[in-house]
C-alpha cells in the first residue's frame, strides 16, 4: 500500500477546519498534496490554491529561495 493510499485509508480525520471531519472518500475529492511544499490542503476552502499547489506556493508574490 502506497503512502497516499495509507493516508486515505486511515479513517475519519479533521483535515480542514471548514469541512470538519472527513472520511477517506471525501479526502480523495477535496484534499490535495502540494507539489512544491508537500503540504496538504483543501481545494474547496483554500482561496488561491490550484489543483497542484497550495495557496501559499501558488501566490506569485511569495519569496522564493534562489538556488
PDB file of N, CA and C in Angstrom:
ATOM      1  N   UNK A   1       0.848  -1.174   0.000  1.00  0.00           N
ATOM      2  CA  UNK A   1       0.000   0.000   0.000  1.00  0.00           C
ATOM      3  C   UNK A   1       0.896   1.240   0.000  1.00  0.00           C
ATOM      4  N   UNK A   2       0.672   2.153  -0.918  1.00  0.00           N
ATOM      5  CA  UNK A   2       1.484   3.363  -1.000  1.00  0.00           C
ATOM      6  C   UNK A   2       1.125   4.315   0.140  1.00  0.00           C
ATOM      7  N   UNK A   3       1.961   5.330   0.325  1.00  0.00           N
ATOM      8  CA  UNK A   3       1.725   6.304   1.386  1.00  0.00           C
ATOM      9  C   UNK A   3       0.389   7.005   1.206  1.00  0.00           C
ATOM     10  N   UNK A   4       0.058   7.425  -0.037  1.00  0.00           N
ATOM     11  CA  UNK A   4      -1.209   8.111  -0.287  1.00  0.00           C
ATOM     12  C   UNK A   4      -2.394   7.206  -0.011  1.00  0.00           C
ATOM     13  N   UNK A   5      -2.310   5.944  -0.411  1.00  0.00           N
ATOM     14  CA  UNK A   5      -3.396   5.006  -0.143  1.00  0.00           C
ATOM     15  C   UNK A   5      -3.549   4.782   1.352  1.00  0.00           C
ATOM     16  N   UNK A   6      -2.439   4.696   2.062  1.00  0.00           N
ATOM     17  CA  UNK A   6      -2.491   4.501   3.505  1.00  0.00           C
ATOM     18  C   UNK A   6      -3.078   5.732   4.183  1.00  0.00           C
ATOM     19  N   UNK A   7      -2.706   6.920   3.725  1.00  0.00           N
ATOM     20  CA  UNK A   7      -3.215   8.163   4.299  1.00  0.00           C
ATOM     21  C   UNK A   7      -4.716   8.254   4.121  1.00  0.00           C
ATOM     22  N   UNK A   8      -5.220   7.823   2.966  1.00  0.00           N
ATOM     23  CA  UNK A   8      -6.647   7.901   2.695  1.00  0.00           C
ATOM     24  C   UNK A   8      -7.433   6.815   3.408  1.00  0.00           C
ATOM     25  N   UNK A   9      -6.794   5.722   3.733  1.00  0.00           N
ATOM     26  CA  UNK A   9      -7.495   4.596   4.333  1.00  0.00           C
ATOM     27  C   UNK A   9      -7.510   4.635   5.853  1.00  0.00           C
ATOM     28  N   UNK A  10      -6.957   5.654   6.457  1.00  0.00           N
ATOM     29  CA  UNK A  10      -6.841   5.673   7.908  1.00  0.00           C
ATOM     30  C   UNK A  10      -8.125   6.060   8.614  1.00  0.00           C
ATOM     31  N   UNK A  11      -9.210   6.264   7.923  1.00  0.00           N
ATOM     32  CA  UNK A  11     -10.485   6.568   8.571  1.00  0.00           C
ATOM     33  C   UNK A  11     -10.786   8.047   8.585  1.00  0.00           C
ATOM     34  N   UNK A  12     -11.600   8.442   9.539  1.00  0.00           N
ATOM     35  CA  UNK A  12     -12.072   9.817   9.624  1.00  0.00           C
ATOM     36  C   UNK A  12     -11.043  10.672  10.351  1.00  0.00           C
ATOM     37  N   UNK A  13     -10.771  11.834   9.805  1.00  0.00           N
ATOM     38  CA  UNK A  13      -9.868  12.773  10.461  1.00  0.00           C
ATOM     39  C   UNK A  13     -10.303  14.192  10.136  1.00  0.00           C
ATOM     40  N   UNK A  14      -9.733  15.157  10.845  1.00  0.00           N
ATOM     41  CA  UNK A  14     -10.073  16.556  10.603  1.00  0.00           C
ATOM     42  C   UNK A  14      -8.944  17.172   9.784  1.00  0.00           C
ATOM     43  N   UNK A  15      -9.135  17.208   8.479  1.00  0.00           N
ATOM     44  CA  UNK A  15      -8.100  17.723   7.586  1.00  0.00           C
ATOM     45  C   UNK A  15      -8.310  19.177   7.208  1.00  0.00           C
ATOM     46  N   UNK A  16      -9.519  19.665   7.352  1.00  0.00           N
ATOM     47  CA  UNK A  16      -9.847  21.048   7.005  1.00  0.00           C
ATOM     48  C   UNK A  16     -10.744  21.602   8.106  1.00  0.00           C
ATOM     49  N   UNK A  17     -10.441  22.794   8.593  1.00  0.00           N
ATOM     50  CA  UNK A  17     -11.254  23.384   9.659  1.00  0.00           C
ATOM     51  C   UNK A  17     -12.676  23.640   9.192  1.00  0.00           C
ATOM     52  N   UNK A  18     -12.875  23.961   7.933  1.00  0.00           N
ATOM     53  CA  UNK A  18     -14.215  24.264   7.435  1.00  0.00           C
ATOM     54  C   UNK A  18     -14.995  23.016   7.078  1.00  0.00           C
ATOM     55  N   UNK A  19     -14.319  21.999   6.532  1.00  0.00           N
ATOM     56  CA  UNK A  19     -15.001  20.749   6.186  1.00  0.00           C
ATOM     57  C   UNK A  19     -15.339  19.937   7.430  1.00  0.00           C
ATOM     58  N   UNK A  20     -14.518  20.062   8.465  1.00  0.00           N
ATOM     59  CA  UNK A  20     -14.693  19.238   9.657  1.00  0.00           C
ATOM     60  C   UNK A  20     -14.100  17.865   9.430  1.00  0.00           C
ATOM     61  N   UNK A  21     -14.683  16.881  10.079  1.00  0.00           N
ATOM     62  CA  UNK A  21     -14.178  15.511   9.951  1.00  0.00           C
ATOM     63  C   UNK A  21     -14.457  14.995   8.546  1.00  0.00           C
ATOM     64  N   UNK A  22     -13.442  14.423   7.909  1.00  0.00           N
ATOM     65  CA  UNK A  22     -13.601  13.909   6.548  1.00  0.00           C
ATOM     66  C   UNK A  22     -13.228  12.438   6.493  1.00  0.00           C
ATOM     67  N   UNK A  23     -14.006  11.683   5.745  1.00  0.00           N
ATOM     68  CA  UNK A  23     -13.724  10.256   5.580  1.00  0.00           C
ATOM     69  C   UNK A  23     -12.791  10.066   4.378  1.00  0.00           C
ATOM     70  N   UNK A  24     -12.380   8.837   4.138  1.00  0.00           N
ATOM     71  CA  UNK A  24     -11.443   8.547   3.058  1.00  0.00           C
ATOM     72  C   UNK A  24     -11.950   8.958   1.692  1.00  0.00           C
ATOM     73  N   UNK A  25     -13.237   8.716   1.415  1.00  0.00           N
ATOM     74  CA  UNK A  25     -13.769   9.078   0.098  1.00  0.00           C
ATOM     75  C   UNK A  25     -13.872  10.590  -0.066  1.00  0.00           C
ATOM     76  N   UNK A  26     -14.143  11.316   1.025  1.00  0.00           N
ATOM     77  CA  UNK A  26     -14.201  12.779   0.952  1.00  0.00           C
ATOM     78  C   UNK A  26     -12.810  13.364   0.724  1.00  0.00           C
ATOM     79  N   UNK A  27     -11.798  12.735   1.334  1.00  0.00           N
ATOM     80  CA  UNK A  27     -10.423  13.204   1.156  1.00  0.00           C
ATOM     81  C   UNK A  27     -10.009  13.156  -0.308  1.00  0.00           C
ATOM     82  N   UNK A  28     -10.399  12.106  -1.011  1.00  0.00           N
ATOM     83  CA  UNK A  28     -10.000  11.988  -2.416  1.00  0.00           C
ATOM     84  C   UNK A  28     -10.639  13.072  -3.263  1.00  0.00           C
ATOM     85  N   UNK A  29     -11.776  13.599  -2.825  1.00  0.00           N
ATOM     86  CA  UNK A  29     -12.465  14.639  -3.590  1.00  0.00           C
ATOM     87  C   UNK A  29     -11.914  16.028  -3.323  1.00  0.00           C
ATOM     88  N   UNK A  30     -11.540  16.340  -2.079  1.00  0.00           N
ATOM     89  CA  UNK A  30     -11.182  17.720  -1.745  1.00  0.00           C
ATOM     90  C   UNK A  30      -9.766  17.929  -1.229  1.00  0.00           C
ATOM     91  N   UNK A  31      -9.074  16.901  -0.778  1.00  0.00           N
ATOM     92  CA  UNK A  31      -7.727  17.062  -0.242  1.00  0.00           C
ATOM     93  C   UNK A  31      -6.682  16.834  -1.326  1.00  0.00           C
ATOM     94  N   UNK A  32      -5.692  17.699  -1.376  1.00  0.00           N
ATOM     95  CA  UNK A  32      -4.596  17.578  -2.323  1.00  0.00           C
ATOM     96  C   UNK A  32      -3.276  17.758  -1.586  1.00  0.00           C
ATOM     97  N   UNK A  33      -2.202  17.286  -2.192  1.00  0.00           N
ATOM     98  CA  UNK A  33      -0.858  17.487  -1.663  1.00  0.00           C
ATOM     99  C   UNK A  33      -0.124  18.424  -2.604  1.00  0.00           C
ATOM    100  N   UNK A  34       0.422  19.486  -2.050  1.00  0.00           N
ATOM    101  CA  UNK A  34       1.131  20.485  -2.843  1.00  0.00           C
ATOM    102  C   UNK A  34       2.394  19.875  -3.437  1.00  0.00           C
ATOM    103  N   UNK A  35       2.609  20.096  -4.725  1.00  0.00           N
ATOM    104  CA  UNK A  35       3.786  19.550  -5.400  1.00  0.00           C
ATOM    105  C   UNK A  35       5.064  20.300  -5.025  1.00  0.00           C
ATOM    106  N   UNK A  36       4.931  21.494  -4.467  1.00  0.00           N
ATOM    107  CA  UNK A  36       6.097  22.282  -4.094  1.00  0.00           C
ATOM    108  C   UNK A  36       6.531  22.026  -2.652  1.00  0.00           C
ATOM    109  N   UNK A  37       5.601  22.168  -1.697  1.00  0.00           N
ATOM    110  CA  UNK A  37       5.971  22.046  -0.280  1.00  0.00           C
ATOM    111  C   UNK A  37       5.525  20.735   0.355  1.00  0.00           C
ATOM    112  N   UNK A  38       4.782  19.912  -0.375  1.00  0.00           N
ATOM    113  CA  UNK A  38       4.273  18.623   0.103  1.00  0.00           C
ATOM    114  C   UNK A  38       3.251  18.756   1.225  1.00  0.00           C
ATOM    115  N   UNK A  39       2.739  19.964   1.469  1.00  0.00           N
ATOM    116  CA  UNK A  39       1.698  20.158   2.475  1.00  0.00           C
ATOM    117  C   UNK A  39       0.344  19.756   1.912  1.00  0.00           C
ATOM    118  N   UNK A  40      -0.577  19.398   2.793  1.00  0.00           N
ATOM    119  CA  UNK A  40      -1.922  19.032   2.351  1.00  0.00           C
ATOM    120  C   UNK A  40      -2.831  20.242   2.469  1.00  0.00           C
ATOM    121  N   UNK A  41      -3.765  20.357   1.549  1.00  0.00           N
ATOM    122  CA  UNK A  41      -4.691  21.480   1.565  1.00  0.00           C
ATOM    123  C   UNK A  41      -6.035  21.064   0.992  1.00  0.00           C
ATOM    124  N   UNK A  42      -7.068  21.817   1.332  1.00  0.00           N
ATOM    125  CA  UNK A  42      -8.427  21.567   0.862  1.00  0.00           C
ATOM    126  C   UNK A  42      -8.694  22.466  -0.343  1.00  0.00           C
ATOM    127  N   UNK A  43      -9.062  21.877  -1.462  1.00  0.00           N
ATOM    128  CA  UNK A  43      -9.282  22.678  -2.669  1.00  0.00           C
ATOM    129  C   UNK A  43     -10.575  23.477  -2.602  1.00  0.00           C
ATOM    130  N   UNK A  44     -11.477  23.115  -1.692  1.00  0.00           N
ATOM    131  CA  UNK A  44     -12.739  23.844  -1.549  1.00  0.00           C
ATOM    132  C   UNK A  44     -12.566  25.127  -0.742  1.00  0.00           C
ATOM    133  N   UNK A  45     -11.705  25.127   0.266  1.00  0.00           N
ATOM    134  CA  UNK A  45     -11.642  26.237   1.208  1.00  0.00           C
ATOM    135  C   UNK A  45     -10.339  27.016   1.212  1.00  0.00           C
ATOM    136  N   UNK A  46      -9.342  26.620   0.458  1.00  0.00           N
ATOM    137  CA  UNK A  46      -8.098  27.382   0.366  1.00  0.00           C
ATOM    138  C   UNK A  46      -8.189  28.302  -0.841  1.00  0.00           C
ATOM    139  N   UNK A  47      -8.541  29.553  -0.584  1.00  0.00           N
ATOM    140  CA  UNK A  47      -8.629  30.525  -1.673  1.00  0.00           C
ATOM    141  C   UNK A  47      -7.243  30.758  -2.255  1.00  0.00           C
ATOM    142  N   UNK A  48      -7.139  30.725  -3.555  1.00  0.00           N
ATOM    143  CA  UNK A  48      -5.870  30.974  -4.218  1.00  0.00           C
ATOM    144  C   UNK A  48      -5.069  29.732  -4.538  1.00  0.00           C
ATOM    145  N   UNK A  49      -5.578  28.567  -4.170  1.00  0.00           N
ATOM    146  CA  UNK A  49      -4.835  27.341  -4.476  1.00  0.00           C
ATOM    147  C   UNK A  49      -5.149  26.885  -5.900  1.00  0.00           C
ATOM    148  N   UNK A  50      -4.318  26.000  -6.403  1.00  0.00           N
ATOM    149  CA  UNK A  50      -4.556  25.396  -7.713  1.00  0.00           C
ATOM    150  C   UNK A  50      -4.673  23.890  -7.503  1.00  0.00           C
ATOM    151  N   UNK A  51      -4.985  23.130  -8.530  1.00  0.00           N
ATOM    152  CA  UNK A  51      -5.070  21.670  -8.356  1.00  0.00           C
ATOM    153  C   UNK A  51      -3.746  21.018  -7.943  1.00  0.00           C
ATOM    154  N   UNK A  52      -2.619  21.714  -8.141  1.00  0.00           N
ATOM    155  CA  UNK A  52      -1.323  21.119  -7.804  1.00  0.00           C
ATOM    156  C   UNK A  52      -0.546  21.867  -6.730  1.00  0.00           C
ATOM    157  N   UNK A  53      -0.935  23.107  -6.396  1.00  0.00           N
ATOM    158  CA  UNK A  53      -0.196  23.900  -5.415  1.00  0.00           C
ATOM    159  C   UNK A  53      -1.136  24.530  -4.397  1.00  0.00           C
ATOM    160  N   UNK A  54      -0.657  24.596  -3.144  1.00  0.00           N
ATOM    161  CA  UNK A  54      -1.438  25.238  -2.092  1.00  0.00           C
ATOM    162  C   UNK A  54      -1.458  26.750  -2.335  1.00  0.00           C
ATOM    163  N   UNK A  55      -2.290  27.456  -1.590  1.00  0.00           N
ATOM    164  CA  UNK A  55      -2.408  28.896  -1.792  1.00  0.00           C
ATOM    165  C   UNK A  55      -1.090  29.622  -1.513  1.00  0.00           C
ATOM    166  N   UNK A  56      -0.318  29.138  -0.552  1.00  0.00           N
ATOM    167  CA  UNK A  56       0.963  29.772  -0.229  1.00  0.00           C
ATOM    168  C   UNK A  56       1.949  29.645  -1.393  1.00  0.00           C
ATOM    169  N   UNK A  57       2.084  28.458  -1.945  1.00  0.00           N
ATOM    170  CA  UNK A  57       3.041  28.219  -3.036  1.00  0.00           C
ATOM    171  C   UNK A  57       2.542  28.760  -4.373  1.00  0.00           C
ATOM    172  N   UNK A  58       1.248  28.902  -4.527  1.00  0.00           N
ATOM    173  CA  UNK A  58       0.666  29.354  -5.782  1.00  0.00           C
ATOM    174  C   UNK A  58       0.684  30.875  -5.917  1.00  0.00           C
ATOM    175  N   UNK A  59       0.929  31.588  -4.828  1.00  0.00           N
ATOM    176  CA  UNK A  59       0.931  33.045  -4.856  1.00  0.00           C
ATOM    177  C   UNK A  59       2.196  33.549  -5.532  1.00  0.00           C
ATOM    178  N   UNK A  60       2.039  34.404  -6.515  1.00  0.00           N
ATOM    179  CA  UNK A  60       3.197  34.876  -7.277  1.00  0.00           C
ATOM    180  C   UNK A  60       4.088  35.798  -6.461  1.00  0.00           C
ATOM    181  N   UNK A  61       3.561  36.445  -5.442  1.00  0.00           N
ATOM    182  CA  UNK A  61       4.358  37.362  -4.642  1.00  0.00           C
ATOM    183  C   UNK A  61       5.154  36.690  -3.554  1.00  0.00           C
ATOM    184  N   UNK A  62       5.085  35.388  -3.475  1.00  0.00           N
ATOM    185  CA  UNK A  62       5.803  34.651  -2.434  1.00  0.00           C
ATOM    186  C   UNK A  62       7.302  34.718  -2.681  1.00  0.00           C
ATOM    187  N   UNK A  63       8.055  34.944  -1.629  1.00  0.00           N
ATOM    188  CA  UNK A  63       9.515  34.954  -1.735  1.00  0.00           C
ATOM    189  C   UNK A  63       9.995  33.535  -1.932  1.00  0.00           C
ATOM    190  N   UNK A  64      10.852  33.339  -2.898  1.00  0.00           N
ATOM    191  CA  UNK A  64      11.358  32.005  -3.190  1.00  0.00           C
ATOM    192  C   UNK A  64      12.864  31.965  -3.007  1.00  0.00           C
ATOM    193  N   UNK A  65      13.334  30.816  -2.593  1.00  0.00           N
ATOM    194  CA  UNK A  65      14.767  30.623  -2.401  1.00  0.00           C
ATOM    195  C   UNK A  65      15.430  30.473  -3.765  1.00  0.00           C
ATOM    196  N   UNK A  66      16.505  31.197  -3.973  1.00  0.00           N
ATOM    197  CA  UNK A  66      17.245  31.119  -5.226  1.00  0.00           C
ATOM    198  C   UNK A  66      18.362  30.102  -5.042  1.00  0.00           C
ATOM    199  N   UNK A  67      18.439  29.074  -5.927  1.00  0.00           N
ATOM    200  CA  UNK A  67      19.481  28.050  -5.775  1.00  0.00           C
ATOM    201  C   UNK A  67      20.874  28.574  -6.041  1.00  0.00           C
TER     202      UNK A  67
END
